[in-house]
Amino acid sequence: QLQLVESGGGLVQPGGSLRLSCKASGVNLDYYAIGWFRQAPGEEREAVSCLSSVGGFTNYASSVKGRFTISRDNANNAVYLQMSSLTPEDTAVYYCAARLRDQCLMSARLYTYWGQGTQVTVSS
């Protein structure tokens, strides 16, 4: 019943910023842990960041730590990924995912619900 829809992707120059949104519907996200993943052409899906449902615990891939920030807005039933200092290596389709657990984990197979993805392209 939970549906997730990503938005906010697009073309950005190296060094620029983008804010991705993941809007949930059907079910309140309060009790779901959230993950952001990305997949570049010819590569496996990679965990980018995750956020617990309680306590605000977060985790980040080493490649994005210090540049990306994950957050949630329960009032709007949405989660976000603020991306800064973008490089061409960040180019990928970005997905949000959710699982009905408190703890966030950096493993795609543990998430039950997925959005359709949004394309992020970093190029000059």
N, C-alpha and C. Protein backbone atom coordinates (compact mmCIF):
# COMPACT_ATOMS: atom_id res chain seq x y z
N GLN A 1 0.81 -1.20 0.00
CA GLN A 1 0.00 0.00 0.00
C GLN A 1 0.85 1.26 0.00
N LEU A 2 2.06 1.16 0.54
CA LEU A 2 2.95 2.31 0.54
C LEU A 2 3.48 2.55 -0.87
N GLN A 3 3.38 3.78 -1.32
CA GLN A 3 3.90 4.19 -2.61
C GLN A 3 4.88 5.33 -2.41
N LEU A 4 5.98 5.27 -3.15
CA LEU A 4 7.03 6.28 -3.06
C LEU A 4 7.28 6.85 -4.45
N VAL A 5 7.40 8.16 -4.52
CA VAL A 5 7.64 8.84 -5.79
C VAL A 5 8.77 9.84 -5.60
N GLU A 6 9.86 9.64 -6.34
CA GLU A 6 10.99 10.55 -6.29
C GLU A 6 10.79 11.70 -7.26
N SER A 7 11.41 12.82 -6.95
CA SER A 7 11.43 13.96 -7.84
C SER A 7 12.65 14.82 -7.50
N GLY A 8 12.94 15.77 -8.35
CA GLY A 8 14.02 16.71 -8.10
C GLY A 8 15.28 16.46 -8.88
N GLY A 9 15.34 15.37 -9.62
CA GLY A 9 16.52 15.11 -10.42
C GLY A 9 16.60 16.04 -11.61
N GLY A 10 17.74 16.00 -12.29
CA GLY A 10 17.95 16.84 -13.45
C GLY A 10 19.41 16.97 -13.78
N LEU A 11 19.71 17.94 -14.61
CA LEU A 11 21.08 18.21 -15.04
C LEU A 11 21.67 19.32 -14.20
N VAL A 12 22.86 19.09 -13.69
CA VAL A 12 23.54 20.07 -12.86
C VAL A 12 25.03 20.06 -13.19
N GLN A 13 25.66 21.21 -13.09
CA GLN A 13 27.09 21.30 -13.36
C GLN A 13 27.90 20.76 -12.20
N PRO A 14 29.11 20.28 -12.47
CA PRO A 14 29.98 19.87 -11.37
C PRO A 14 30.14 20.98 -10.34
N GLY A 15 30.09 20.59 -9.08
CA GLY A 15 30.14 21.55 -8.00
C GLY A 15 28.80 22.08 -7.57
N GLY A 16 27.77 21.77 -8.33
CA GLY A 16 26.44 22.26 -8.03
C GLY A 16 25.72 21.41 -7.00
N SER A 17 24.46 21.76 -6.78
CA SER A 17 23.65 21.09 -5.77
C SER A 17 22.28 20.73 -6.33
N LEU A 18 21.71 19.69 -5.77
CA LEU A 18 20.35 19.28 -6.06
C LEU A 18 19.72 18.75 -4.79
N ARG A 19 18.42 18.90 -4.70
CA ARG A 19 17.66 18.35 -3.59
C ARG A 19 16.63 17.38 -4.14
N LEU A 20 16.78 16.12 -3.81
CA LEU A 20 15.84 15.10 -4.23
C LEU A 20 14.76 14.92 -3.17
N SER A 21 13.54 14.72 -3.64
CA SER A 21 12.41 14.49 -2.75
C SER A 21 11.84 13.11 -2.99
N CYS A 22 11.32 12.52 -1.93
CA CYS A 22 10.62 11.24 -2.01
C CYS A 22 9.32 11.40 -1.25
N LYS A 23 8.24 11.48 -2.00
CA LYS A 23 6.92 11.67 -1.41
C LYS A 23 6.22 10.33 -1.25
N ALA A 24 5.73 10.06 -0.04
CA ALA A 24 5.05 8.83 0.26
C ALA A 24 3.54 9.04 0.27
N SER A 25 2.82 8.01 -0.11
CA SER A 25 1.37 8.03 -0.05
C SER A 25 0.86 6.66 0.33
N GLY A 26 -0.35 6.61 0.82
CA GLY A 26 -0.97 5.35 1.20
C GLY A 26 -0.74 4.97 2.65
N VAL A 27 0.45 5.22 3.15
CA VAL A 27 0.82 4.87 4.51
C VAL A 27 1.70 5.98 5.08
N ASN A 28 1.52 6.26 6.34
CA ASN A 28 2.37 7.22 7.02
C ASN A 28 3.78 6.65 7.17
N LEU A 29 4.78 7.44 6.88
CA LEU A 29 6.17 7.01 6.92
C LEU A 29 6.80 7.01 8.30
N ASP A 30 6.07 7.38 9.31
CA ASP A 30 6.64 7.57 10.64
C ASP A 30 7.41 6.35 11.14
N TYR A 31 6.93 5.16 10.82
CA TYR A 31 7.53 3.94 11.36
C TYR A 31 8.41 3.21 10.37
N TYR A 32 8.77 3.87 9.28
CA TYR A 32 9.60 3.26 8.25
C TYR A 32 11.00 3.85 8.26
N ALA A 33 11.98 2.98 8.17
CA ALA A 33 13.33 3.43 7.86
C ALA A 33 13.43 3.68 6.37
N ILE A 34 14.23 4.67 5.99
CA ILE A 34 14.32 5.11 4.60
C ILE A 34 15.76 4.98 4.10
N GLY A 35 15.89 4.56 2.87
CA GLY A 35 17.19 4.52 2.23
C GLY A 35 17.15 5.20 0.87
N TRP A 36 18.26 5.82 0.51
CA TRP A 36 18.47 6.33 -0.84
C TRP A 36 19.54 5.48 -1.51
N PHE A 37 19.25 5.07 -2.73
CA PHE A 37 20.16 4.25 -3.52
C PHE A 37 20.34 4.88 -4.88
N ARG A 38 21.39 4.48 -5.57
CA ARG A 38 21.60 4.97 -6.92
C ARG A 38 22.19 3.87 -7.79
N GLN A 39 21.96 3.99 -9.09
CA GLN A 39 22.45 3.00 -10.03
C GLN A 39 22.86 3.70 -11.32
N ALA A 40 24.13 3.57 -11.66
CA ALA A 40 24.66 4.10 -12.90
C ALA A 40 24.60 3.01 -13.97
N PRO A 41 24.60 3.39 -15.25
CA PRO A 41 24.54 2.39 -16.32
C PRO A 41 25.67 1.37 -16.20
N GLY A 42 25.31 0.09 -16.29
CA GLY A 42 26.29 -0.97 -16.24
C GLY A 42 26.83 -1.28 -14.86
N GLU A 43 26.30 -0.64 -13.83
CA GLU A 43 26.79 -0.85 -12.48
C GLU A 43 25.67 -1.36 -11.58
N GLU A 44 26.06 -1.95 -10.46
CA GLU A 44 25.10 -2.44 -9.50
C GLU A 44 24.51 -1.29 -8.69
N ARG A 45 23.35 -1.54 -8.14
CA ARG A 45 22.71 -0.54 -7.30
C ARG A 45 23.53 -0.34 -6.03
N GLU A 46 23.73 0.92 -5.68
CA GLU A 46 24.61 1.31 -4.60
C GLU A 46 23.83 2.06 -3.53
N ALA A 47 24.04 1.70 -2.28
CA ALA A 47 23.45 2.44 -1.18
C ALA A 47 24.15 3.78 -1.03
N VAL A 48 23.38 4.83 -0.91
CA VAL A 48 23.89 6.19 -0.76
C VAL A 48 23.78 6.67 0.67
N SER A 49 22.59 6.51 1.24
CA SER A 49 22.34 6.99 2.58
C SER A 49 21.09 6.33 3.13
N CYS A 50 20.95 6.32 4.44
CA CYS A 50 19.72 5.83 5.05
C CYS A 50 19.45 6.59 6.33
N LEU A 51 18.19 6.52 6.76
CA LEU A 51 17.72 7.26 7.91
C LEU A 51 16.76 6.39 8.70
N SER A 52 17.00 6.28 10.00
CA SER A 52 16.14 5.47 10.84
C SER A 52 14.78 6.12 11.03
N SER A 53 13.80 5.33 11.45
CA SER A 53 12.47 5.87 11.70
C SER A 53 12.39 6.58 13.04
N VAL A 54 13.28 6.25 13.96
CA VAL A 54 13.29 6.83 15.29
C VAL A 54 14.72 7.24 15.64
N GLY A 55 14.86 8.40 16.22
CA GLY A 55 16.14 8.84 16.72
C GLY A 55 17.01 9.61 15.75
N GLY A 56 16.66 9.62 14.48
CA GLY A 56 17.41 10.39 13.51
C GLY A 56 18.77 9.82 13.16
N PHE A 57 18.99 8.54 13.38
CA PHE A 57 20.27 7.93 13.03
C PHE A 57 20.41 7.85 11.52
N THR A 58 21.59 8.16 11.05
CA THR A 58 21.86 8.19 9.62
C THR A 58 23.13 7.41 9.30
N ASN A 59 23.24 7.04 8.04
CA ASN A 59 24.45 6.43 7.53
C ASN A 59 24.64 6.91 6.10
N TYR A 60 25.91 7.00 5.68
CA TYR A 60 26.25 7.49 4.35
C TYR A 60 27.34 6.64 3.75
N ALA A 61 27.27 6.47 2.44
CA ALA A 61 28.38 5.87 1.73
C ALA A 61 29.59 6.79 1.83
N SER A 62 30.77 6.19 1.88
CA SER A 62 31.98 6.99 2.01
C SER A 62 32.14 7.98 0.87
N SER A 63 31.63 7.63 -0.30
CA SER A 63 31.79 8.48 -1.47
C SER A 63 30.97 9.76 -1.40
N VAL A 64 29.96 9.80 -0.53
CA VAL A 64 29.09 10.98 -0.45
C VAL A 64 29.12 11.64 0.91
N LYS A 65 29.75 11.04 1.87
CA LYS A 65 29.77 11.59 3.23
C LYS A 65 30.38 12.98 3.23
N GLY A 66 29.68 13.90 3.89
CA GLY A 66 30.12 15.28 3.92
C GLY A 66 29.55 16.13 2.81
N ARG A 67 28.99 15.49 1.79
CA ARG A 67 28.40 16.21 0.67
C ARG A 67 26.89 16.05 0.60
N PHE A 68 26.38 14.90 1.04
CA PHE A 68 24.95 14.60 0.98
C PHE A 68 24.37 14.61 2.38
N THR A 69 23.10 14.99 2.48
CA THR A 69 22.39 14.97 3.76
C THR A 69 21.00 14.40 3.55
N ILE A 70 20.66 13.38 4.32
CA ILE A 70 19.34 12.79 4.27
C ILE A 70 18.50 13.36 5.41
N SER A 71 17.22 13.56 5.15
CA SER A 71 16.32 14.09 6.17
C SER A 71 14.90 13.64 5.87
N ARG A 72 14.03 13.84 6.84
CA ARG A 72 12.62 13.51 6.65
C ARG A 72 11.75 14.60 7.22
N ASP A 73 10.55 14.71 6.68
CA ASP A 73 9.55 15.66 7.13
C ASP A 73 8.26 14.88 7.32
N ASN A 74 8.02 14.45 8.54
CA ASN A 74 6.85 13.61 8.80
C ASN A 74 5.54 14.33 8.52
N ALA A 75 5.52 15.64 8.72
CA ALA A 75 4.30 16.40 8.47
C ALA A 75 3.89 16.32 7.01
N ASN A 76 4.86 16.25 6.11
CA ASN A 76 4.60 16.15 4.68
C ASN A 76 4.75 14.73 4.15
N ASN A 77 5.03 13.78 5.03
CA ASN A 77 5.18 12.38 4.64
C ASN A 77 6.19 12.25 3.51
N ALA A 78 7.35 12.85 3.72
CA ALA A 78 8.37 12.89 2.68
C ALA A 78 9.76 12.76 3.28
N VAL A 79 10.69 12.35 2.45
CA VAL A 79 12.10 12.32 2.79
C VAL A 79 12.87 13.02 1.69
N TYR A 80 14.08 13.47 2.02
CA TYR A 80 14.85 14.28 1.10
C TYR A 80 16.31 13.83 1.09
N LEU A 81 16.97 14.13 0.01
CA LEU A 81 18.41 13.95 -0.10
C LEU A 81 18.99 15.23 -0.68
N GLN A 82 19.64 16.00 0.16
CA GLN A 82 20.31 17.21 -0.27
C GLN A 82 21.71 16.86 -0.73
N MET A 83 22.02 17.16 -1.97
CA MET A 83 23.29 16.80 -2.58
C MET A 83 24.05 18.07 -2.95
N SER A 84 25.30 18.14 -2.52
CA SER A 84 26.14 19.29 -2.78
C SER A 84 27.48 18.83 -3.33
N SER A 85 28.23 19.78 -3.88
CA SER A 85 29.55 19.49 -4.45
C SER A 85 29.51 18.29 -5.38
N LEU A 86 28.55 18.29 -6.26
CA LEU A 86 28.33 17.15 -7.13
C LEU A 86 29.44 16.99 -8.16
N THR A 87 29.74 15.75 -8.47
CA THR A 87 30.74 15.40 -9.46
C THR A 87 30.11 14.50 -10.51
N PRO A 88 30.77 14.34 -11.68
CA PRO A 88 30.22 13.42 -12.68
C PRO A 88 30.03 12.00 -12.17
N GLU A 89 30.80 11.59 -11.18
CA GLU A 89 30.65 10.26 -10.61
C GLU A 89 29.34 10.09 -9.85
N ASP A 90 28.66 11.18 -9.56
CA ASP A 90 27.36 11.10 -8.91
C ASP A 90 26.22 10.86 -9.89
N THR A 91 26.52 10.88 -11.17
CA THR A 91 25.50 10.65 -12.19
C THR A 91 24.92 9.25 -12.06
N ALA A 92 23.61 9.16 -11.93
CA ALA A 92 22.94 7.88 -11.75
C ALA A 92 21.44 8.12 -11.65
N VAL A 93 20.68 7.03 -11.68
CA VAL A 93 19.28 7.08 -11.30
C VAL A 93 19.22 6.88 -9.79
N TYR A 94 18.55 7.77 -9.12
CA TYR A 94 18.45 7.72 -7.66
C TYR A 94 17.08 7.21 -7.25
N TYR A 95 17.07 6.28 -6.31
CA TYR A 95 15.85 5.66 -5.82
C TYR A 95 15.72 5.86 -4.32
N CYS A 96 14.51 6.08 -3.85
CA CYS A 96 14.25 5.99 -2.43
C CYS A 96 13.55 4.68 -2.14
N ALA A 97 13.76 4.18 -0.94
CA ALA A 97 13.20 2.91 -0.53
C ALA A 97 12.84 2.97 0.94
N ALA A 98 11.94 2.09 1.36
CA ALA A 98 11.47 2.08 2.74
C ALA A 98 11.31 0.66 3.24
N ARG A 99 11.50 0.50 4.54
CA ARG A 99 11.23 -0.77 5.19
C ARG A 99 10.61 -0.51 6.55
N LEU A 100 9.72 -1.39 6.97
CA LEU A 100 8.97 -1.20 8.20
C LEU A 100 9.80 -1.70 9.39
N ARG A 101 10.85 -0.99 9.65
CA ARG A 101 11.73 -1.25 10.77
C ARG A 101 12.27 0.08 11.29
N ASP A 102 12.75 0.08 12.52
CA ASP A 102 13.36 1.28 13.07
C ASP A 102 14.72 1.55 12.45
N GLN A 103 15.52 0.51 12.33
CA GLN A 103 16.90 0.66 11.92
C GLN A 103 17.03 0.81 10.41
N CYS A 104 17.88 1.71 9.98
CA CYS A 104 18.20 1.82 8.56
C CYS A 104 19.45 1.00 8.28
N LEU A 105 19.44 0.33 7.14
CA LEU A 105 20.54 -0.51 6.73
C LEU A 105 20.91 -0.20 5.29
N MET A 106 22.19 -0.33 5.00
CA MET A 106 22.71 0.02 3.68
C MET A 106 22.75 -1.21 2.78
N SER A 107 21.60 -1.83 2.62
CA SER A 107 21.49 -3.03 1.80
C SER A 107 20.15 -3.00 1.08
N ALA A 108 20.18 -2.97 -0.23
CA ALA A 108 18.96 -2.82 -1.01
C ALA A 108 17.98 -3.96 -0.81
N ARG A 109 18.48 -5.17 -0.62
CA ARG A 109 17.61 -6.33 -0.53
C ARG A 109 16.73 -6.32 0.71
N LEU A 110 17.05 -5.49 1.69
CA LEU A 110 16.29 -5.44 2.92
C LEU A 110 15.13 -4.45 2.87
N TYR A 111 14.99 -3.73 1.79
CA TYR A 111 13.92 -2.74 1.67
C TYR A 111 12.78 -3.29 0.83
N THR A 112 11.58 -3.06 1.30
CA THR A 112 10.39 -3.64 0.70
C THR A 112 9.77 -2.75 -0.37
N TYR A 113 9.76 -1.45 -0.14
CA TYR A 113 9.07 -0.52 -1.01
C TYR A 113 10.06 0.38 -1.72
N TRP A 114 9.80 0.64 -3.00
CA TRP A 114 10.71 1.40 -3.85
C TRP A 114 9.97 2.41 -4.70
N GLY A 115 10.61 3.53 -4.93
CA GLY A 115 10.12 4.49 -5.89
C GLY A 115 10.58 4.14 -7.29
N GLN A 116 10.17 4.96 -8.25
CA GLN A 116 10.47 4.68 -9.66
C GLN A 116 11.84 5.19 -10.08
N GLY A 117 12.45 6.04 -9.29
CA GLY A 117 13.75 6.59 -9.60
C GLY A 117 13.67 7.94 -10.27
N THR A 118 14.71 8.74 -10.08
CA THR A 118 14.83 10.03 -10.74
C THR A 118 16.27 10.20 -11.21
N GLN A 119 16.42 10.67 -12.43
CA GLN A 119 17.74 10.77 -13.05
C GLN A 119 18.48 12.01 -12.57
N VAL A 120 19.72 11.81 -12.16
CA VAL A 120 20.62 12.90 -11.82
C VAL A 120 21.81 12.82 -12.76
N THR A 121 22.06 13.91 -13.47
CA THR A 121 23.18 13.96 -14.40
C THR A 121 24.06 15.16 -14.04
N VAL A 122 25.32 14.89 -13.77
CA VAL A 122 26.28 15.93 -13.41
C VAL A 122 27.25 16.07 -14.57
N SER A 123 27.17 17.18 -15.26
CA SER A 123 27.98 17.39 -16.45
C SER A 123 28.09 18.87 -16.74
N SER A 124 29.22 19.26 -17.32
CA SER A 124 29.40 20.64 -17.74
C SER A 124 28.97 20.86 -19.18
